[in-house]
Amino acid sequence: MRFRTLEEIRRHLSCQRTSGLSIAAYCKRDGVAPNTFFNWKKRHRDSTDDFHRSNAGPVSFLQLPTQSAENQKFDLTLPNGSRLAMPLPCDPAFLRQTIRMLSGLRPR
């Protein structure tokens, strides 16, 4: 059994997420036992999320054009292809939770 540093574990978790491969296929390709990978994922879920949030790059804001009252909404497409259409006056906590949930989905 080989000991992996936290940095190596985070790299594997991140690489699998962006590879488009299933966990089984990624583990086979990179020589990691699937049970070990699932344990990493379970143990490092919160720290991995914090790691990705801190490395997400700068955040900028966009002024949305004015729309009529009945059409005030925005559309957002996430990097994994998930699309989100929300009314403009929405709860920021709900929006954040929705984006986190959708960003965990595999790319199409």
N, C-alpha and C. Protein backbone atom coordinates (compact mmCIF):
# COMPACT_ATOMS: atom_id res chain seq x y z
N MET A 1 0.84 -1.18 0.00
CA MET A 1 0.00 0.00 0.00
C MET A 1 0.88 1.24 0.00
N ARG A 2 0.59 2.17 -0.89
CA ARG A 2 1.39 3.37 -1.04
C ARG A 2 0.70 4.53 -0.31
N PHE A 3 1.45 5.28 0.47
CA PHE A 3 0.93 6.46 1.16
C PHE A 3 0.87 7.62 0.17
N ARG A 4 -0.25 8.32 0.16
CA ARG A 4 -0.41 9.48 -0.72
C ARG A 4 -0.56 10.73 0.13
N THR A 5 0.08 11.79 -0.30
CA THR A 5 -0.04 13.07 0.41
C THR A 5 -1.42 13.67 0.12
N LEU A 6 -1.80 14.63 0.94
CA LEU A 6 -3.08 15.32 0.73
C LEU A 6 -3.11 15.97 -0.65
N GLU A 7 -2.00 16.52 -1.08
CA GLU A 7 -1.93 17.16 -2.40
C GLU A 7 -2.17 16.13 -3.52
N GLU A 8 -1.60 14.94 -3.39
CA GLU A 8 -1.81 13.89 -4.39
C GLU A 8 -3.27 13.44 -4.41
N ILE A 9 -3.86 13.30 -3.23
CA ILE A 9 -5.26 12.90 -3.15
C ILE A 9 -6.14 13.94 -3.81
N ARG A 10 -5.91 15.20 -3.49
CA ARG A 10 -6.71 16.29 -4.10
C ARG A 10 -6.54 16.30 -5.62
N ARG A 11 -5.31 16.06 -6.07
CA ARG A 11 -5.06 16.05 -7.51
C ARG A 11 -5.83 14.92 -8.17
N HIS A 12 -5.82 13.73 -7.56
CA HIS A 12 -6.57 12.61 -8.12
C HIS A 12 -8.07 12.91 -8.14
N LEU A 13 -8.60 13.46 -7.06
CA LEU A 13 -10.03 13.78 -7.01
C LEU A 13 -10.39 14.79 -8.09
N SER A 14 -9.56 15.81 -8.23
CA SER A 14 -9.82 16.84 -9.23
C SER A 14 -9.68 16.29 -10.65
N CYS A 15 -8.63 15.52 -10.88
CA CYS A 15 -8.39 14.98 -12.23
C CYS A 15 -9.51 14.04 -12.65
N GLN A 16 -9.99 13.22 -11.73
CA GLN A 16 -11.09 12.31 -12.08
C GLN A 16 -12.33 13.11 -12.43
N ARG A 17 -12.62 14.14 -11.63
CA ARG A 17 -13.82 14.94 -11.86
C ARG A 17 -13.80 15.59 -13.24
N THR A 18 -12.64 16.06 -13.67
CA THR A 18 -12.56 16.77 -14.95
C THR A 18 -12.22 15.85 -16.13
N SER A 19 -11.89 14.58 -15.85
CA SER A 19 -11.46 13.68 -16.92
C SER A 19 -12.60 13.19 -17.80
N GLY A 20 -13.82 13.20 -17.27
CA GLY A 20 -14.93 12.64 -18.01
C GLY A 20 -15.02 11.13 -17.90
N LEU A 21 -14.09 10.53 -17.16
CA LEU A 21 -14.08 9.08 -16.96
C LEU A 21 -14.88 8.72 -15.72
N SER A 22 -15.42 7.52 -15.71
CA SER A 22 -16.06 7.02 -14.49
C SER A 22 -14.95 6.80 -13.47
N ILE A 23 -15.34 6.67 -12.21
CA ILE A 23 -14.34 6.43 -11.17
C ILE A 23 -13.61 5.12 -11.44
N ALA A 24 -14.34 4.09 -11.84
CA ALA A 24 -13.71 2.79 -12.13
C ALA A 24 -12.68 2.92 -13.25
N ALA A 25 -13.04 3.62 -14.33
CA ALA A 25 -12.12 3.77 -15.47
C ALA A 25 -10.91 4.61 -15.08
N TYR A 26 -11.14 5.68 -14.31
CA TYR A 26 -10.03 6.53 -13.88
C TYR A 26 -9.07 5.73 -12.99
N CYS A 27 -9.63 4.98 -12.03
CA CYS A 27 -8.80 4.20 -11.11
C CYS A 27 -7.97 3.15 -11.86
N LYS A 28 -8.59 2.50 -12.82
CA LYS A 28 -7.87 1.50 -13.61
C LYS A 28 -6.73 2.15 -14.39
N ARG A 29 -7.01 3.29 -15.01
CA ARG A 29 -6.00 3.99 -15.80
C ARG A 29 -4.82 4.46 -14.94
N ASP A 30 -5.14 4.95 -13.71
CA ASP A 30 -4.10 5.55 -12.87
C ASP A 30 -3.58 4.63 -11.76
N GLY A 31 -4.05 3.39 -11.75
CA GLY A 31 -3.52 2.43 -10.77
C GLY A 31 -3.93 2.71 -9.34
N VAL A 32 -5.16 3.17 -9.16
CA VAL A 32 -5.68 3.44 -7.82
C VAL A 32 -6.82 2.44 -7.56
N ALA A 33 -6.84 1.86 -6.39
CA ALA A 33 -7.92 0.94 -6.04
C ALA A 33 -9.22 1.75 -5.89
N PRO A 34 -10.31 1.31 -6.53
CA PRO A 34 -11.57 2.06 -6.44
C PRO A 34 -12.04 2.28 -5.00
N ASN A 35 -11.86 1.28 -4.12
CA ASN A 35 -12.25 1.47 -2.72
C ASN A 35 -11.46 2.60 -2.06
N THR A 36 -10.17 2.66 -2.38
CA THR A 36 -9.33 3.74 -1.85
C THR A 36 -9.83 5.08 -2.35
N PHE A 37 -10.15 5.14 -3.65
CA PHE A 37 -10.63 6.40 -4.23
C PHE A 37 -11.92 6.86 -3.54
N PHE A 38 -12.87 5.93 -3.34
CA PHE A 38 -14.12 6.29 -2.68
C PHE A 38 -13.89 6.75 -1.24
N ASN A 39 -12.92 6.13 -0.56
CA ASN A 39 -12.57 6.59 0.79
C ASN A 39 -12.01 8.00 0.77
N TRP A 40 -11.14 8.28 -0.21
CA TRP A 40 -10.62 9.64 -0.34
C TRP A 40 -11.75 10.62 -0.56
N LYS A 41 -12.63 10.26 -1.46
CA LYS A 41 -13.74 11.15 -1.82
C LYS A 41 -14.61 11.44 -0.59
N LYS A 42 -14.87 10.42 0.19
CA LYS A 42 -15.69 10.57 1.40
C LYS A 42 -14.98 11.43 2.44
N ARG A 43 -13.71 11.16 2.67
CA ARG A 43 -12.96 11.86 3.72
C ARG A 43 -12.61 13.30 3.37
N HIS A 44 -12.39 13.56 2.10
CA HIS A 44 -11.88 14.87 1.69
C HIS A 44 -12.91 15.70 0.95
N ARG A 45 -14.17 15.33 1.06
CA ARG A 45 -15.22 16.06 0.35
C ARG A 45 -15.20 17.54 0.68
N ASP A 46 -15.24 17.90 1.97
CA ASP A 46 -15.29 19.30 2.36
C ASP A 46 -14.00 20.03 2.01
N SER A 47 -12.85 19.42 2.29
CA SER A 47 -11.59 20.09 1.99
C SER A 47 -11.38 20.23 0.49
N THR A 48 -11.87 19.27 -0.30
CA THR A 48 -11.75 19.35 -1.76
C THR A 48 -12.62 20.47 -2.28
N ASP A 49 -13.84 20.61 -1.75
CA ASP A 49 -14.72 21.70 -2.17
C ASP A 49 -14.09 23.05 -1.86
N ASP A 50 -13.50 23.18 -0.65
CA ASP A 50 -12.83 24.42 -0.28
C ASP A 50 -11.65 24.68 -1.21
N PHE A 51 -10.89 23.61 -1.53
CA PHE A 51 -9.74 23.73 -2.41
C PHE A 51 -10.17 24.25 -3.78
N HIS A 52 -11.25 23.68 -4.34
CA HIS A 52 -11.71 24.11 -5.66
C HIS A 52 -12.27 25.52 -5.62
N ARG A 53 -12.97 25.87 -4.55
CA ARG A 53 -13.51 27.24 -4.45
C ARG A 53 -12.38 28.24 -4.38
N SER A 54 -11.30 27.93 -3.62
CA SER A 54 -10.21 28.89 -3.47
C SER A 54 -9.39 29.02 -4.75
N ASN A 55 -9.43 28.02 -5.65
CA ASN A 55 -8.68 28.06 -6.89
C ASN A 55 -9.56 28.36 -8.10
N ALA A 56 -10.75 28.87 -7.85
CA ALA A 56 -11.68 29.09 -8.93
C ALA A 56 -11.35 30.33 -9.76
N GLY A 57 -10.42 31.15 -9.31
CA GLY A 57 -10.06 32.34 -10.04
C GLY A 57 -10.88 33.54 -9.60
N PRO A 58 -10.62 34.68 -10.21
CA PRO A 58 -11.31 35.90 -9.79
C PRO A 58 -12.80 35.86 -10.12
N VAL A 59 -13.56 36.54 -9.31
CA VAL A 59 -15.00 36.62 -9.52
C VAL A 59 -15.31 38.02 -10.03
N SER A 60 -16.13 38.08 -11.06
CA SER A 60 -16.53 39.39 -11.57
C SER A 60 -18.05 39.42 -11.64
N PHE A 61 -18.59 40.60 -11.71
CA PHE A 61 -20.03 40.78 -11.74
C PHE A 61 -20.44 41.38 -13.07
N LEU A 62 -21.63 41.04 -13.49
CA LEU A 62 -22.14 41.47 -14.78
C LEU A 62 -23.44 42.23 -14.58
N GLN A 63 -23.53 43.41 -15.15
CA GLN A 63 -24.77 44.18 -15.09
C GLN A 63 -25.74 43.58 -16.09
N LEU A 64 -26.87 43.08 -15.59
CA LEU A 64 -27.86 42.48 -16.47
C LEU A 64 -28.75 43.56 -17.07
N PRO A 65 -29.14 43.39 -18.35
CA PRO A 65 -30.00 44.39 -18.97
C PRO A 65 -31.39 44.41 -18.31
N THR A 66 -32.02 45.56 -18.35
CA THR A 66 -33.35 45.71 -17.78
C THR A 66 -34.36 44.96 -18.64
N GLN A 67 -35.26 44.23 -17.99
CA GLN A 67 -36.30 43.48 -18.68
C GLN A 67 -37.65 43.88 -18.09
N SER A 68 -38.71 43.56 -18.81
CA SER A 68 -40.03 43.84 -18.26
C SER A 68 -40.23 42.98 -17.02
N ALA A 69 -41.12 43.39 -16.14
CA ALA A 69 -41.31 42.74 -14.84
C ALA A 69 -41.60 41.25 -14.97
N GLU A 70 -42.41 40.84 -15.95
CA GLU A 70 -42.77 39.43 -16.07
C GLU A 70 -41.64 38.58 -16.67
N ASN A 71 -40.63 39.21 -17.26
CA ASN A 71 -39.54 38.46 -17.90
C ASN A 71 -38.21 38.59 -17.16
N GLN A 72 -38.23 39.06 -15.93
CA GLN A 72 -36.97 39.27 -15.22
C GLN A 72 -36.43 37.93 -14.73
N LYS A 73 -35.54 37.36 -15.52
CA LYS A 73 -34.88 36.10 -15.19
C LYS A 73 -33.51 36.11 -15.85
N PHE A 74 -32.69 35.16 -15.46
CA PHE A 74 -31.39 35.00 -16.11
C PHE A 74 -31.15 33.53 -16.39
N ASP A 75 -30.32 33.26 -17.39
CA ASP A 75 -29.93 31.90 -17.75
C ASP A 75 -28.44 31.77 -17.48
N LEU A 76 -28.06 30.64 -16.90
CA LEU A 76 -26.67 30.39 -16.57
C LEU A 76 -26.30 28.99 -17.06
N THR A 77 -25.19 28.88 -17.79
CA THR A 77 -24.69 27.58 -18.23
C THR A 77 -23.39 27.31 -17.50
N LEU A 78 -23.33 26.19 -16.78
CA LEU A 78 -22.14 25.82 -16.01
C LEU A 78 -21.15 25.08 -16.92
N PRO A 79 -19.87 25.02 -16.52
CA PRO A 79 -18.87 24.36 -17.36
C PRO A 79 -19.19 22.91 -17.71
N ASN A 80 -20.00 22.22 -16.88
CA ASN A 80 -20.33 20.82 -17.19
C ASN A 80 -21.52 20.70 -18.13
N GLY A 81 -22.05 21.85 -18.61
CA GLY A 81 -23.15 21.84 -19.56
C GLY A 81 -24.52 22.00 -18.93
N SER A 82 -24.60 21.96 -17.60
CA SER A 82 -25.89 22.16 -16.92
C SER A 82 -26.36 23.60 -17.15
N ARG A 83 -27.65 23.73 -17.42
CA ARG A 83 -28.24 25.07 -17.64
C ARG A 83 -29.21 25.37 -16.52
N LEU A 84 -29.23 26.61 -16.11
CA LEU A 84 -30.07 27.05 -15.01
C LEU A 84 -30.77 28.34 -15.43
N ALA A 85 -32.10 28.37 -15.33
CA ALA A 85 -32.88 29.57 -15.59
C ALA A 85 -33.57 29.94 -14.29
N MET A 86 -33.30 31.13 -13.79
CA MET A 86 -33.82 31.56 -12.49
C MET A 86 -34.46 32.94 -12.63
N PRO A 87 -35.47 33.21 -11.79
CA PRO A 87 -36.00 34.57 -11.75
C PRO A 87 -34.92 35.49 -11.18
N LEU A 88 -34.89 36.70 -11.66
CA LEU A 88 -33.85 37.63 -11.23
C LEU A 88 -33.88 37.91 -9.73
N PRO A 89 -35.03 38.14 -9.13
CA PRO A 89 -35.02 38.32 -7.68
C PRO A 89 -35.08 36.95 -6.98
N CYS A 90 -33.93 36.29 -6.85
CA CYS A 90 -33.91 34.98 -6.18
C CYS A 90 -33.00 35.05 -4.96
N ASP A 91 -33.22 34.14 -4.05
CA ASP A 91 -32.46 34.07 -2.82
C ASP A 91 -31.02 33.62 -3.13
N PRO A 92 -30.01 34.41 -2.76
CA PRO A 92 -28.62 34.04 -3.07
C PRO A 92 -28.21 32.69 -2.48
N ALA A 93 -28.70 32.36 -1.28
CA ALA A 93 -28.34 31.06 -0.68
C ALA A 93 -28.92 29.91 -1.51
N PHE A 94 -30.14 30.07 -1.99
CA PHE A 94 -30.75 29.04 -2.84
C PHE A 94 -29.98 28.91 -4.15
N LEU A 95 -29.60 30.03 -4.75
CA LEU A 95 -28.84 30.00 -5.99
C LEU A 95 -27.50 29.30 -5.78
N ARG A 96 -26.80 29.61 -4.70
CA ARG A 96 -25.51 29.00 -4.39
C ARG A 96 -25.67 27.49 -4.22
N GLN A 97 -26.70 27.07 -3.48
CA GLN A 97 -26.95 25.65 -3.26
C GLN A 97 -27.27 24.93 -4.58
N THR A 98 -28.06 25.57 -5.42
CA THR A 98 -28.42 24.99 -6.71
C THR A 98 -27.19 24.83 -7.61
N ILE A 99 -26.33 25.84 -7.65
CA ILE A 99 -25.12 25.77 -8.47
C ILE A 99 -24.20 24.66 -7.96
N ARG A 100 -24.04 24.55 -6.63
CA ARG A 100 -23.21 23.47 -6.08
C ARG A 100 -23.74 22.10 -6.48
N MET A 101 -25.06 21.95 -6.39
CA MET A 101 -25.66 20.66 -6.74
C MET A 101 -25.44 20.34 -8.21
N LEU A 102 -25.67 21.31 -9.10
CA LEU A 102 -25.52 21.07 -10.53
C LEU A 102 -24.06 20.91 -10.95
N SER A 103 -23.16 21.60 -10.27
CA SER A 103 -21.75 21.52 -10.67
C SER A 103 -21.15 20.15 -10.37
N GLY A 104 -21.78 19.37 -9.49
CA GLY A 104 -21.32 18.03 -9.19
C GLY A 104 -21.67 17.01 -10.24
N LEU A 105 -22.53 17.38 -11.18
CA LEU A 105 -22.94 16.45 -12.23
C LEU A 105 -21.82 16.28 -13.24
N ARG A 106 -21.78 15.15 -13.91
CA ARG A 106 -20.77 14.91 -14.94
C ARG A 106 -21.06 15.75 -16.17
N PRO A 107 -20.01 16.17 -16.89
CA PRO A 107 -20.23 16.88 -18.15
C PRO A 107 -20.92 15.98 -19.15
N ARG A 108 -21.67 16.60 -20.02
CA ARG A 108 -22.36 15.82 -21.07
C ARG A 108 -21.44 15.54 -22.23
